[in-house]
Amino acid sequence: MDDTDRDIEGIAALADPVRRDLYRYVCEQRTPVSRDQAASALDLPKHRASFHLDRLEKAGLLTSGYLRLSGRTGPGAGRPAKVYRRRDDEIAVSLPSRQYALAGEILARAVEDAIREGRRVQDTLEAAATLRGEDLARSTAAEATPLETAVSAVRTLGYEPLPLAGQVVMANCPFHSLVTDHPELVCGMNHALLGGLCRHLGGLAAVLDPGPGRCCVLITGAE
């Protein structure tokens, strides 16, 4: 299951109103919540609260552990109770896919580097995006050809790659809203990101070629 499928499953779990109420209750507590506590707070039978809490955990919205709620230890302290708390991971779904968190990560690193090194933000942004593209290449399993590997890599970020006559057109821009307001800055970052990916894989090039209804960068064989 990829991250998008996981996030969709997590959000789908909240379609049930009982699960929504349980999730909100667990999130509002400062300490982990037991099945008995949740059942009592929402006036539910314990078996029903347990079922829905476990479904929320399976969907990736909650995490669980075991605690002795009596505060006692040793013989006679009783068995630990299963308790739940909200997972630290964020869940978000956008269709088509957007990667604003990735853009924020790259931009934050670029600003920090610019302040520390006394360089222009445009230069540090290109460097930070290139490094992130190289990291993406390293984390992608190799396919039969570098171009096929690049397709697999950009698909994980929601670019919606379309291989056409030895090049890859991206039908979706993961930074769409940012590009609308800051085209030069964000397209430059995007170009550097995919350029780092291509250079690390070898035999490929990222070409800045804006066009209507698609990403501003193409991937093609290096000349």
N, C-alpha and C. Protein backbone atom coordinates (compact mmCIF):
# COMPACT_ATOMS: atom_id res chain seq x y z
N MET A 1 0.85 -1.20 0.00
CA MET A 1 0.00 0.00 0.00
C MET A 1 0.88 1.25 0.00
N ASP A 2 0.68 2.15 -0.99
CA ASP A 2 1.47 3.37 -1.00
C ASP A 2 0.85 4.40 -0.06
N ASP A 3 1.53 5.57 0.07
CA ASP A 3 1.08 6.56 1.04
C ASP A 3 -0.32 7.08 0.73
N THR A 4 -0.62 7.27 -0.57
CA THR A 4 -1.94 7.78 -0.94
C THR A 4 -3.03 6.79 -0.57
N ASP A 5 -2.81 5.50 -0.88
CA ASP A 5 -3.79 4.47 -0.52
C ASP A 5 -3.98 4.41 0.99
N ARG A 6 -2.88 4.53 1.74
CA ARG A 6 -2.97 4.51 3.20
C ARG A 6 -3.79 5.68 3.71
N ASP A 7 -3.54 6.87 3.16
CA ASP A 7 -4.26 8.05 3.60
C ASP A 7 -5.75 7.96 3.27
N ILE A 8 -6.06 7.45 2.08
CA ILE A 8 -7.47 7.28 1.69
C ILE A 8 -8.17 6.31 2.64
N GLU A 9 -7.49 5.22 2.97
CA GLU A 9 -8.08 4.25 3.90
C GLU A 9 -8.31 4.88 5.26
N GLY A 10 -7.35 5.69 5.72
CA GLY A 10 -7.50 6.35 7.00
C GLY A 10 -8.69 7.29 7.03
N ILE A 11 -8.83 8.10 5.99
CA ILE A 11 -9.95 9.03 5.93
C ILE A 11 -11.27 8.29 5.77
N ALA A 12 -11.27 7.21 4.98
CA ALA A 12 -12.50 6.43 4.80
C ALA A 12 -12.98 5.84 6.12
N ALA A 13 -12.04 5.52 7.02
CA ALA A 13 -12.42 4.96 8.32
C ALA A 13 -13.26 5.93 9.13
N LEU A 14 -13.11 7.23 8.86
CA LEU A 14 -13.84 8.25 9.61
C LEU A 14 -15.23 8.51 9.03
N ALA A 15 -15.61 7.80 7.99
CA ALA A 15 -16.95 7.97 7.43
C ALA A 15 -18.01 7.51 8.43
N ASP A 16 -17.65 6.56 9.29
CA ASP A 16 -18.58 6.09 10.31
C ASP A 16 -18.65 7.11 11.45
N PRO A 17 -19.84 7.60 11.81
CA PRO A 17 -19.95 8.65 12.83
C PRO A 17 -19.44 8.21 14.21
N VAL A 18 -19.61 6.94 14.56
CA VAL A 18 -19.10 6.46 15.85
C VAL A 18 -17.58 6.53 15.87
N ARG A 19 -16.96 6.13 14.76
CA ARG A 19 -15.49 6.19 14.70
C ARG A 19 -15.00 7.64 14.75
N ARG A 20 -15.73 8.54 14.08
CA ARG A 20 -15.34 9.95 14.15
C ARG A 20 -15.36 10.45 15.58
N ASP A 21 -16.44 10.11 16.30
CA ASP A 21 -16.54 10.56 17.69
C ASP A 21 -15.45 9.94 18.56
N LEU A 22 -15.14 8.67 18.35
CA LEU A 22 -14.07 8.03 19.11
C LEU A 22 -12.72 8.66 18.81
N TYR A 23 -12.49 8.92 17.53
CA TYR A 23 -11.21 9.52 17.14
C TYR A 23 -11.05 10.90 17.77
N ARG A 24 -12.10 11.70 17.71
CA ARG A 24 -12.05 13.03 18.32
C ARG A 24 -11.80 12.92 19.82
N TYR A 25 -12.47 11.98 20.47
CA TYR A 25 -12.31 11.83 21.91
C TYR A 25 -10.86 11.47 22.26
N VAL A 26 -10.31 10.49 21.55
CA VAL A 26 -8.92 10.08 21.83
C VAL A 26 -7.97 11.25 21.60
N CYS A 27 -8.17 11.99 20.52
CA CYS A 27 -7.28 13.11 20.20
C CYS A 27 -7.34 14.22 21.24
N GLU A 28 -8.49 14.39 21.88
CA GLU A 28 -8.67 15.48 22.83
C GLU A 28 -8.09 15.17 24.22
N GLN A 29 -7.73 13.90 24.47
CA GLN A 29 -7.22 13.53 25.78
C GLN A 29 -5.70 13.73 25.85
N ARG A 30 -5.23 14.11 27.02
CA ARG A 30 -3.80 14.37 27.20
C ARG A 30 -3.02 13.09 27.47
N THR A 31 -3.71 12.02 27.81
CA THR A 31 -3.07 10.73 28.07
C THR A 31 -3.75 9.66 27.22
N PRO A 32 -3.08 8.52 26.98
CA PRO A 32 -3.70 7.45 26.21
C PRO A 32 -5.02 6.99 26.83
N VAL A 33 -5.92 6.52 25.98
CA VAL A 33 -7.30 6.20 26.37
C VAL A 33 -7.52 4.69 26.30
N SER A 34 -8.11 4.14 27.36
CA SER A 34 -8.43 2.72 27.36
C SER A 34 -9.78 2.47 26.69
N ARG A 35 -10.07 1.21 26.42
CA ARG A 35 -11.36 0.85 25.84
C ARG A 35 -12.50 1.19 26.81
N ASP A 36 -12.29 0.94 28.09
CA ASP A 36 -13.32 1.25 29.07
C ASP A 36 -13.59 2.75 29.13
N GLN A 37 -12.53 3.55 29.09
CA GLN A 37 -12.70 5.01 29.14
C GLN A 37 -13.48 5.50 27.92
N ALA A 38 -13.10 5.01 26.75
CA ALA A 38 -13.77 5.43 25.52
C ALA A 38 -15.24 5.02 25.52
N ALA A 39 -15.50 3.78 25.95
CA ALA A 39 -16.87 3.29 25.97
C ALA A 39 -17.72 4.12 26.93
N SER A 40 -17.17 4.44 28.10
CA SER A 40 -17.90 5.23 29.08
C SER A 40 -18.15 6.64 28.58
N ALA A 41 -17.13 7.27 27.97
CA ALA A 41 -17.26 8.65 27.53
C ALA A 41 -18.30 8.80 26.43
N LEU A 42 -18.42 7.80 25.56
CA LEU A 42 -19.36 7.90 24.44
C LEU A 42 -20.62 7.07 24.65
N ASP A 43 -20.76 6.50 25.87
CA ASP A 43 -21.94 5.70 26.21
C ASP A 43 -22.14 4.57 25.19
N LEU A 44 -21.07 3.80 25.00
CA LEU A 44 -21.09 2.67 24.08
C LEU A 44 -20.83 1.37 24.83
N PRO A 45 -21.34 0.24 24.35
CA PRO A 45 -20.91 -1.04 24.89
C PRO A 45 -19.40 -1.21 24.66
N LYS A 46 -18.71 -1.84 25.61
CA LYS A 46 -17.26 -1.94 25.49
C LYS A 46 -16.85 -2.68 24.22
N HIS A 47 -17.59 -3.73 23.86
CA HIS A 47 -17.19 -4.49 22.67
C HIS A 47 -17.29 -3.65 21.41
N ARG A 48 -18.27 -2.73 21.38
CA ARG A 48 -18.42 -1.87 20.20
C ARG A 48 -17.30 -0.83 20.15
N ALA A 49 -16.99 -0.24 21.30
CA ALA A 49 -15.88 0.72 21.35
C ALA A 49 -14.58 0.05 20.95
N SER A 50 -14.36 -1.17 21.44
CA SER A 50 -13.13 -1.90 21.12
C SER A 50 -13.02 -2.16 19.62
N PHE A 51 -14.13 -2.57 19.02
CA PHE A 51 -14.14 -2.85 17.58
C PHE A 51 -13.74 -1.62 16.78
N HIS A 52 -14.34 -0.49 17.09
CA HIS A 52 -14.07 0.72 16.31
C HIS A 52 -12.68 1.29 16.60
N LEU A 53 -12.22 1.18 17.83
CA LEU A 53 -10.85 1.63 18.14
C LEU A 53 -9.83 0.81 17.37
N ASP A 54 -10.06 -0.49 17.29
CA ASP A 54 -9.13 -1.34 16.54
C ASP A 54 -9.19 -1.05 15.04
N ARG A 55 -10.37 -0.69 14.53
CA ARG A 55 -10.47 -0.32 13.12
C ARG A 55 -9.70 0.98 12.86
N LEU A 56 -9.79 1.92 13.78
CA LEU A 56 -9.04 3.17 13.64
C LEU A 56 -7.54 2.92 13.69
N GLU A 57 -7.13 1.98 14.51
CA GLU A 57 -5.71 1.63 14.56
C GLU A 57 -5.27 0.97 13.26
N LYS A 58 -6.06 0.05 12.76
CA LYS A 58 -5.73 -0.63 11.50
C LYS A 58 -5.65 0.35 10.34
N ALA A 59 -6.48 1.40 10.38
CA ALA A 59 -6.49 2.41 9.31
C ALA A 59 -5.35 3.41 9.46
N GLY A 60 -4.55 3.29 10.51
CA GLY A 60 -3.39 4.16 10.66
C GLY A 60 -3.67 5.48 11.35
N LEU A 61 -4.86 5.61 11.96
CA LEU A 61 -5.20 6.86 12.63
C LEU A 61 -4.82 6.86 14.10
N LEU A 62 -4.82 5.70 14.72
CA LEU A 62 -4.44 5.56 16.11
C LEU A 62 -3.30 4.57 16.25
N THR A 63 -2.60 4.67 17.36
CA THR A 63 -1.59 3.67 17.71
C THR A 63 -1.92 3.18 19.12
N SER A 64 -1.46 2.00 19.48
CA SER A 64 -1.85 1.43 20.76
C SER A 64 -0.64 0.94 21.55
N GLY A 65 -0.88 0.69 22.82
CA GLY A 65 0.12 0.13 23.72
C GLY A 65 -0.60 -0.42 24.93
N TYR A 66 0.16 -0.77 25.97
CA TYR A 66 -0.45 -1.35 27.16
C TYR A 66 0.06 -0.62 28.40
N LEU A 67 -0.87 -0.29 29.31
CA LEU A 67 -0.53 0.41 30.55
C LEU A 67 -1.32 -0.19 31.70
N ARG A 68 -0.71 -0.17 32.89
CA ARG A 68 -1.45 -0.50 34.10
C ARG A 68 -2.11 0.79 34.60
N LEU A 69 -3.38 0.90 34.41
CA LEU A 69 -4.07 2.15 34.72
C LEU A 69 -4.24 2.37 36.23
N SER A 70 -4.06 1.31 37.02
CA SER A 70 -4.18 1.46 38.47
C SER A 70 -3.00 2.22 39.06
N GLY A 71 -1.89 2.28 38.30
CA GLY A 71 -0.69 2.92 38.81
C GLY A 71 0.14 2.02 39.69
N ARG A 72 -0.34 0.82 39.98
CA ARG A 72 0.39 -0.12 40.83
C ARG A 72 1.25 -1.04 39.97
N THR A 73 2.26 -1.63 40.59
CA THR A 73 3.13 -2.60 39.92
C THR A 73 3.27 -3.82 40.81
N GLY A 74 3.80 -4.89 40.23
CA GLY A 74 4.04 -6.09 41.01
C GLY A 74 2.82 -6.97 41.11
N PRO A 75 2.91 -8.04 41.93
CA PRO A 75 1.79 -8.98 42.08
C PRO A 75 0.53 -8.27 42.56
N GLY A 76 -0.60 -8.64 41.96
CA GLY A 76 -1.86 -8.04 42.34
C GLY A 76 -2.18 -6.73 41.67
N ALA A 77 -1.27 -6.26 40.83
CA ALA A 77 -1.50 -4.96 40.18
C ALA A 77 -2.49 -5.07 39.02
N GLY A 78 -2.77 -6.31 38.60
CA GLY A 78 -3.70 -6.48 37.50
C GLY A 78 -3.01 -6.45 36.15
N ARG A 79 -3.72 -6.89 35.13
CA ARG A 79 -3.16 -6.93 33.78
C ARG A 79 -3.16 -5.53 33.17
N PRO A 80 -2.13 -5.23 32.36
CA PRO A 80 -2.14 -3.94 31.66
C PRO A 80 -3.33 -3.85 30.72
N ALA A 81 -3.86 -2.66 30.57
CA ALA A 81 -4.98 -2.42 29.66
C ALA A 81 -4.47 -1.89 28.33
N LYS A 82 -5.16 -2.25 27.25
CA LYS A 82 -4.81 -1.70 25.94
C LYS A 82 -5.29 -0.26 25.88
N VAL A 83 -4.39 0.63 25.47
CA VAL A 83 -4.72 2.05 25.39
C VAL A 83 -4.37 2.57 24.01
N TYR A 84 -5.02 3.68 23.64
CA TYR A 84 -4.88 4.23 22.30
C TYR A 84 -4.53 5.72 22.37
N ARG A 85 -3.78 6.17 21.39
CA ARG A 85 -3.52 7.59 21.21
C ARG A 85 -3.41 7.87 19.72
N ARG A 86 -3.51 9.14 19.37
CA ARG A 86 -3.41 9.52 17.96
C ARG A 86 -2.00 9.26 17.44
N ARG A 87 -1.91 8.77 16.21
CA ARG A 87 -0.60 8.62 15.57
C ARG A 87 -0.02 9.99 15.26
N ASP A 88 1.31 10.06 15.23
CA ASP A 88 1.97 11.32 14.93
C ASP A 88 1.95 11.64 13.44
N ASP A 89 1.79 10.62 12.60
CA ASP A 89 1.81 10.84 11.15
C ASP A 89 0.63 11.68 10.71
N GLU A 90 0.88 12.56 9.74
CA GLU A 90 -0.21 13.34 9.16
C GLU A 90 -0.87 12.55 8.04
N ILE A 91 -2.17 12.77 7.89
CA ILE A 91 -2.92 12.15 6.80
C ILE A 91 -3.61 13.25 6.01
N ALA A 92 -3.37 13.25 4.71
CA ALA A 92 -4.01 14.24 3.84
C ALA A 92 -4.17 13.62 2.46
N VAL A 93 -5.28 13.91 1.84
CA VAL A 93 -5.53 13.41 0.48
C VAL A 93 -5.95 14.58 -0.40
N SER A 94 -5.30 14.73 -1.55
CA SER A 94 -5.73 15.71 -2.53
C SER A 94 -5.74 15.04 -3.89
N LEU A 95 -6.75 15.33 -4.66
CA LEU A 95 -6.89 14.77 -6.00
C LEU A 95 -7.08 15.91 -6.99
N PRO A 96 -6.16 16.03 -7.95
CA PRO A 96 -4.94 15.25 -8.12
C PRO A 96 -3.94 15.48 -7.01
N SER A 97 -2.92 14.65 -6.98
CA SER A 97 -1.94 14.69 -5.89
C SER A 97 -1.18 16.01 -5.87
N ARG A 98 -0.98 16.54 -4.68
CA ARG A 98 -0.15 17.74 -4.48
C ARG A 98 0.93 17.43 -3.45
N GLN A 99 2.05 18.12 -3.53
CA GLN A 99 3.18 17.87 -2.65
C GLN A 99 3.65 19.18 -2.01
N TYR A 100 2.73 19.88 -1.36
CA TYR A 100 3.09 21.17 -0.77
C TYR A 100 4.02 20.99 0.45
N ALA A 101 3.89 19.87 1.15
CA ALA A 101 4.80 19.61 2.26
C ALA A 101 6.23 19.44 1.75
N LEU A 102 6.39 18.75 0.61
CA LEU A 102 7.71 18.60 0.02
C LEU A 102 8.27 19.95 -0.40
N ALA A 103 7.45 20.79 -1.02
CA ALA A 103 7.90 22.12 -1.41
C ALA A 103 8.34 22.91 -0.18
N GLY A 104 7.56 22.83 0.90
CA GLY A 104 7.93 23.53 2.13
C GLY A 104 9.23 23.04 2.71
N GLU A 105 9.44 21.73 2.66
CA GLU A 105 10.69 21.14 3.16
C GLU A 105 11.90 21.66 2.37
N ILE A 106 11.78 21.68 1.05
CA ILE A 106 12.89 22.14 0.21
C ILE A 106 13.14 23.64 0.41
N LEU A 107 12.06 24.42 0.46
CA LEU A 107 12.20 25.86 0.63
C LEU A 107 12.80 26.20 1.99
N ALA A 108 12.38 25.49 3.05
CA ALA A 108 12.91 25.75 4.38
C ALA A 108 14.41 25.47 4.43
N ARG A 109 14.82 24.37 3.81
CA ARG A 109 16.25 24.04 3.78
C ARG A 109 17.03 25.10 3.01
N ALA A 110 16.44 25.56 1.91
CA ALA A 110 17.13 26.57 1.09
C ALA A 110 17.31 27.87 1.85
N VAL A 111 16.28 28.30 2.57
CA VAL A 111 16.38 29.55 3.34
C VAL A 111 17.42 29.41 4.45
N GLU A 112 17.42 28.29 5.15
CA GLU A 112 18.41 28.07 6.20
C GLU A 112 19.83 28.12 5.63
N ASP A 113 20.04 27.47 4.48
CA ASP A 113 21.36 27.47 3.87
C ASP A 113 21.76 28.87 3.42
N ALA A 114 20.79 29.63 2.89
CA ALA A 114 21.09 30.99 2.43
C ALA A 114 21.51 31.87 3.61
N ILE A 115 20.82 31.74 4.74
CA ILE A 115 21.16 32.54 5.91
C ILE A 115 22.53 32.14 6.46
N ARG A 116 22.77 30.84 6.54
CA ARG A 116 24.02 30.35 7.11
C ARG A 116 25.23 30.65 6.23
N GLU A 117 25.05 30.54 4.93
CA GLU A 117 26.18 30.65 4.00
C GLU A 117 26.28 32.00 3.31
N GLY A 118 25.27 32.87 3.51
CA GLY A 118 25.29 34.17 2.87
C GLY A 118 25.16 34.10 1.36
N ARG A 119 24.37 33.14 0.88
CA ARG A 119 24.18 32.97 -0.56
C ARG A 119 22.78 33.40 -0.96
N ARG A 120 22.57 33.57 -2.27
CA ARG A 120 21.24 33.91 -2.78
C ARG A 120 20.30 32.73 -2.57
N VAL A 121 19.05 33.04 -2.21
CA VAL A 121 18.06 31.98 -1.99
C VAL A 121 17.86 31.16 -3.26
N GLN A 122 17.87 31.82 -4.43
CA GLN A 122 17.68 31.08 -5.68
C GLN A 122 18.74 29.99 -5.84
N ASP A 123 19.97 30.31 -5.44
CA ASP A 123 21.05 29.33 -5.59
C ASP A 123 20.90 28.18 -4.60
N THR A 124 20.57 28.51 -3.33
CA THR A 124 20.43 27.45 -2.34
C THR A 124 19.18 26.62 -2.60
N LEU A 125 18.15 27.24 -3.18
CA LEU A 125 16.94 26.50 -3.52
C LEU A 125 17.23 25.47 -4.60
N GLU A 126 17.98 25.85 -5.61
CA GLU A 126 18.35 24.90 -6.66
C GLU A 126 19.16 23.75 -6.08
N ALA A 127 20.10 24.07 -5.19
CA ALA A 127 20.94 23.03 -4.59
C ALA A 127 20.11 22.09 -3.72
N ALA A 128 19.20 22.65 -2.91
CA ALA A 128 18.38 21.82 -2.03
C ALA A 128 17.45 20.92 -2.83
N ALA A 129 16.86 21.45 -3.90
CA ALA A 129 15.96 20.65 -4.74
C ALA A 129 16.72 19.55 -5.47
N THR A 130 17.93 19.87 -5.92
CA THR A 130 18.76 18.86 -6.61
C THR A 130 19.07 17.71 -5.67
N LEU A 131 19.46 18.03 -4.44
CA LEU A 131 19.75 16.97 -3.46
C LEU A 131 18.52 16.11 -3.20
N ARG A 132 17.36 16.75 -3.12
CA ARG A 132 16.13 15.99 -2.87
C ARG A 132 15.81 15.09 -4.05
N GLY A 133 16.09 15.53 -5.27
CA GLY A 133 15.90 14.69 -6.43
C GLY A 133 16.84 13.50 -6.44
N GLU A 134 18.09 13.72 -6.01
CA GLU A 134 19.05 12.61 -5.91
C GLU A 134 18.60 11.60 -4.86
N ASP A 135 18.06 12.10 -3.74
CA ASP A 135 17.54 11.20 -2.71
C ASP A 135 16.39 10.35 -3.25
N LEU A 136 15.53 10.98 -4.05
CA LEU A 136 14.42 10.25 -4.65
C LEU A 136 14.92 9.14 -5.56
N ALA A 137 15.95 9.43 -6.35
CA ALA A 137 16.53 8.41 -7.23
C ALA A 137 17.09 7.24 -6.42
N ARG A 138 17.79 7.56 -5.33
CA ARG A 138 18.39 6.50 -4.52
C ARG A 138 17.34 5.62 -3.84
N SER A 139 16.20 6.19 -3.52
CA SER A 139 15.17 5.44 -2.80
C SER A 139 14.23 4.67 -3.72
N THR A 140 14.41 4.79 -5.03
CA THR A 140 13.54 4.13 -5.99
C THR A 140 14.19 2.86 -6.52
N ALA A 141 13.48 1.76 -6.47
CA ALA A 141 14.01 0.49 -6.99
C ALA A 141 14.27 0.61 -8.48
N ALA A 142 15.42 0.08 -8.92
CA ALA A 142 15.81 0.17 -10.33
C ALA A 142 14.88 -0.66 -11.21
N GLU A 143 14.47 -0.07 -12.32
CA GLU A 143 13.69 -0.78 -13.33
C GLU A 143 14.62 -1.20 -14.47
N ALA A 144 14.04 -1.65 -15.58
CA ALA A 144 14.85 -2.16 -16.69
C ALA A 144 15.74 -1.07 -17.30
N THR A 145 15.24 0.15 -17.36
CA THR A 145 16.01 1.26 -17.93
C THR A 145 15.92 2.47 -16.99
N PRO A 146 16.88 3.40 -17.10
CA PRO A 146 16.79 4.62 -16.28
C PRO A 146 15.48 5.38 -16.49
N LEU A 147 14.97 5.41 -17.74
CA LEU A 147 13.72 6.12 -18.00
C LEU A 147 12.56 5.47 -17.25
N GLU A 148 12.52 4.16 -17.23
CA GLU A 148 11.46 3.46 -16.51
C GLU A 148 11.59 3.67 -15.01
N THR A 149 12.82 3.74 -14.52
CA THR A 149 13.03 4.03 -13.10
C THR A 149 12.55 5.43 -12.77
N ALA A 150 12.84 6.38 -13.65
CA ALA A 150 12.38 7.76 -13.45
C ALA A 150 10.86 7.82 -13.40
N VAL A 151 10.20 7.07 -14.27
CA VAL A 151 8.73 7.03 -14.28
C VAL A 151 8.21 6.54 -12.94
N SER A 152 8.82 5.46 -12.41
CA SER A 152 8.40 4.95 -11.10
C SER A 152 8.62 5.97 -10.00
N ALA A 153 9.74 6.68 -10.09
CA ALA A 153 10.08 7.65 -9.05
C ALA A 153 9.08 8.81 -9.03
N VAL A 154 8.82 9.40 -10.18
CA VAL A 154 7.94 10.58 -10.21
C VAL A 154 6.49 10.20 -9.95
N ARG A 155 6.15 8.95 -10.23
CA ARG A 155 4.78 8.52 -9.94
C ARG A 155 4.51 8.56 -8.44
N THR A 156 5.52 8.28 -7.62
CA THR A 156 5.32 8.30 -6.16
C THR A 156 5.00 9.70 -5.65
N LEU A 157 5.38 10.73 -6.40
CA LEU A 157 5.11 12.11 -6.01
C LEU A 157 3.86 12.67 -6.69
N GLY A 158 3.17 11.83 -7.45
CA GLY A 158 1.91 12.27 -8.05
C GLY A 158 2.04 13.05 -9.34
N TYR A 159 3.18 12.93 -10.05
CA TYR A 159 3.34 13.68 -11.30
C TYR A 159 2.47 13.14 -12.44
N GLU A 160 1.96 11.92 -12.32
CA GLU A 160 1.17 11.28 -13.38
C GLU A 160 1.95 11.23 -14.69
N PRO A 161 3.07 10.47 -14.71
CA PRO A 161 3.95 10.44 -15.88
C PRO A 161 3.32 9.70 -17.07
N LEU A 162 3.55 10.25 -18.26
CA LEU A 162 3.08 9.65 -19.50
C LEU A 162 4.28 9.47 -20.44
N PRO A 163 4.85 8.25 -20.54
CA PRO A 163 5.96 8.03 -21.46
C PRO A 163 5.49 8.16 -22.90
N LEU A 164 6.15 9.04 -23.66
CA LEU A 164 5.77 9.29 -25.06
C LEU A 164 7.02 9.45 -25.89
N ALA A 165 7.26 8.53 -26.81
CA ALA A 165 8.35 8.65 -27.79
C ALA A 165 9.68 9.00 -27.14
N GLY A 166 10.09 8.22 -26.15
CA GLY A 166 11.40 8.41 -25.55
C GLY A 166 11.50 9.53 -24.54
N GLN A 167 10.39 10.17 -24.20
CA GLN A 167 10.40 11.18 -23.16
C GLN A 167 9.20 10.97 -22.25
N VAL A 168 9.22 11.66 -21.12
CA VAL A 168 8.13 11.51 -20.16
C VAL A 168 7.49 12.88 -19.95
N VAL A 169 6.20 12.95 -20.25
CA VAL A 169 5.40 14.15 -19.99
C VAL A 169 4.66 13.91 -18.67
N MET A 170 4.65 14.90 -17.79
CA MET A 170 3.94 14.78 -16.53
C MET A 170 2.59 15.50 -16.64
N ALA A 171 1.51 14.72 -16.53
CA ALA A 171 0.18 15.29 -16.70
C ALA A 171 -0.26 16.13 -15.50
N ASN A 172 0.42 15.97 -14.37
CA ASN A 172 0.03 16.70 -13.16
C ASN A 172 1.24 17.41 -12.57
N CYS A 173 1.03 18.62 -12.08
CA CYS A 173 2.07 19.34 -11.35
C CYS A 173 1.77 19.23 -9.85
N PRO A 174 2.62 18.59 -9.06
CA PRO A 174 2.37 18.46 -7.63
C PRO A 174 2.43 19.78 -6.86
N PHE A 175 2.91 20.84 -7.53
CA PHE A 175 3.04 22.14 -6.86
C PHE A 175 2.11 23.17 -7.50
N HIS A 176 0.97 22.73 -7.99
CA HIS A 176 0.10 23.52 -8.86
C HIS A 176 -0.23 24.91 -8.30
N SER A 177 -0.76 25.00 -7.10
CA SER A 177 -1.17 26.30 -6.56
C SER A 177 0.01 27.24 -6.37
N LEU A 178 1.15 26.69 -5.96
CA LEU A 178 2.35 27.51 -5.78
C LEU A 178 2.85 28.04 -7.12
N VAL A 179 2.76 27.21 -8.15
CA VAL A 179 3.21 27.64 -9.47
C VAL A 179 2.34 28.79 -9.98
N THR A 180 1.06 28.75 -9.68
CA THR A 180 0.15 29.80 -10.14
C THR A 180 0.59 31.17 -9.65
N ASP A 181 1.03 31.25 -8.39
CA ASP A 181 1.40 32.53 -7.80
C ASP A 181 2.89 32.85 -7.91
N HIS A 182 3.73 31.81 -8.00
CA HIS A 182 5.18 32.02 -8.01
C HIS A 182 5.84 31.14 -9.08
N PRO A 183 5.50 31.34 -10.34
CA PRO A 183 5.94 30.41 -11.39
C PRO A 183 7.45 30.31 -11.54
N GLU A 184 8.16 31.42 -11.53
CA GLU A 184 9.61 31.37 -11.74
C GLU A 184 10.30 30.62 -10.61
N LEU A 185 9.94 30.93 -9.39
CA LEU A 185 10.57 30.30 -8.23
C LEU A 185 10.26 28.80 -8.19
N VAL A 186 8.99 28.45 -8.31
CA VAL A 186 8.58 27.06 -8.12
C VAL A 186 8.95 26.20 -9.32
N CYS A 187 8.83 26.73 -10.53
CA CYS A 187 9.26 25.95 -11.69
C CYS A 187 10.77 25.70 -11.66
N GLY A 188 11.53 26.69 -11.18
CA GLY A 188 12.96 26.48 -11.02
C GLY A 188 13.26 25.39 -10.02
N MET A 189 12.55 25.38 -8.90
CA MET A 189 12.71 24.31 -7.91
C MET A 189 12.34 22.95 -8.49
N ASN A 190 11.24 22.90 -9.21
CA ASN A 190 10.78 21.66 -9.84
C ASN A 190 11.81 21.15 -10.84
N HIS A 191 12.33 22.06 -11.64
CA HIS A 191 13.34 21.69 -12.64
C HIS A 191 14.58 21.10 -11.96
N ALA A 192 15.02 21.73 -10.86
CA ALA A 192 16.20 21.23 -10.15
C ALA A 192 15.92 19.88 -9.50
N LEU A 193 14.72 19.72 -8.94
CA LEU A 193 14.35 18.45 -8.31
C LEU A 193 14.42 17.30 -9.30
N LEU A 194 13.78 17.47 -10.46
CA LEU A 194 13.79 16.41 -11.46
C LEU A 194 15.15 16.30 -12.14
N GLY A 195 15.89 17.41 -12.18
CA GLY A 195 17.25 17.35 -12.71
C GLY A 195 18.15 16.50 -11.84
N GLY A 196 18.04 16.65 -10.51
CA GLY A 196 18.82 15.81 -9.61
C GLY A 196 18.48 14.35 -9.77
N LEU A 197 17.19 14.05 -9.93
CA LEU A 197 16.76 12.67 -10.17
C LEU A 197 17.41 12.12 -11.44
N CYS A 198 17.32 12.88 -12.53
CA CYS A 198 17.82 12.41 -13.82
C CYS A 198 19.34 12.23 -13.81
N ARG A 199 20.05 13.18 -13.25
CA ARG A 199 21.52 13.06 -13.24
C ARG A 199 21.98 11.87 -12.41
N HIS A 200 21.28 11.60 -11.31
CA HIS A 200 21.67 10.46 -10.49
C HIS A 200 21.40 9.14 -11.20
N LEU A 201 20.30 9.06 -11.94
CA LEU A 201 19.98 7.83 -12.66
C LEU A 201 20.87 7.65 -13.88
N GLY A 202 21.30 8.75 -14.48
CA GLY A 202 22.18 8.70 -15.64
C GLY A 202 21.44 8.52 -16.95
N GLY A 203 21.94 9.19 -17.99
CA GLY A 203 21.36 9.04 -19.32
C GLY A 203 20.06 9.78 -19.53
N LEU A 204 19.67 10.64 -18.58
CA LEU A 204 18.41 11.37 -18.68
C LEU A 204 18.66 12.84 -18.43
N ALA A 205 17.73 13.66 -18.87
CA ALA A 205 17.80 15.09 -18.61
C ALA A 205 16.41 15.62 -18.31
N ALA A 206 16.34 16.59 -17.41
CA ALA A 206 15.09 17.30 -17.13
C ALA A 206 15.09 18.59 -17.93
N VAL A 207 14.06 18.78 -18.73
CA VAL A 207 13.98 19.93 -19.64
C VAL A 207 12.83 20.83 -19.23
N LEU A 208 13.14 22.10 -18.99
CA LEU A 208 12.09 23.06 -18.65
C LEU A 208 11.34 23.43 -19.92
N ASP A 209 10.08 23.01 -20.00
CA ASP A 209 9.29 23.22 -21.22
C ASP A 209 7.82 23.36 -20.83
N PRO A 210 7.45 24.54 -20.29
CA PRO A 210 6.07 24.73 -19.83
C PRO A 210 5.06 24.56 -20.96
N GLY A 211 3.92 24.00 -20.59
CA GLY A 211 2.83 23.84 -21.55
C GLY A 211 1.51 23.77 -20.83
N PRO A 212 0.42 24.06 -21.50
CA PRO A 212 -0.89 24.07 -20.84
C PRO A 212 -1.31 22.68 -20.39
N GLY A 213 -1.87 22.62 -19.18
CA GLY A 213 -2.45 21.36 -18.69
C GLY A 213 -1.47 20.30 -18.29
N ARG A 214 -0.19 20.67 -18.04
CA ARG A 214 0.79 19.66 -17.61
C ARG A 214 1.89 20.33 -16.80
N CYS A 215 2.78 19.49 -16.28
CA CYS A 215 3.94 19.99 -15.54
C CYS A 215 4.88 20.72 -16.47
N CYS A 216 5.63 21.67 -15.91
CA CYS A 216 6.52 22.51 -16.72
C CYS A 216 7.81 21.81 -17.11
N VAL A 217 8.05 20.60 -16.60
CA VAL A 217 9.31 19.90 -16.86
C VAL A 217 9.02 18.58 -17.58
N LEU A 218 9.84 18.28 -18.58
CA LEU A 218 9.83 16.99 -19.25
C LEU A 218 11.07 16.23 -18.89
N ILE A 219 10.98 14.90 -18.92
CA ILE A 219 12.17 14.05 -18.76
C ILE A 219 12.44 13.39 -20.10
N THR A 220 13.69 13.49 -20.53
CA THR A 220 14.05 12.93 -21.84
C THR A 220 15.45 12.35 -21.77
N GLY A 221 15.83 11.62 -22.82
CA GLY A 221 17.18 11.10 -22.87
C GLY A 221 18.19 12.23 -23.02
N ALA A 222 19.30 12.15 -22.29
CA ALA A 222 20.32 13.21 -22.36
C ALA A 222 20.95 13.22 -23.72
N GLU A 223 21.24 14.42 -24.22
CA GLU A 223 21.87 14.53 -25.55
C GLU A 223 23.37 14.34 -25.42
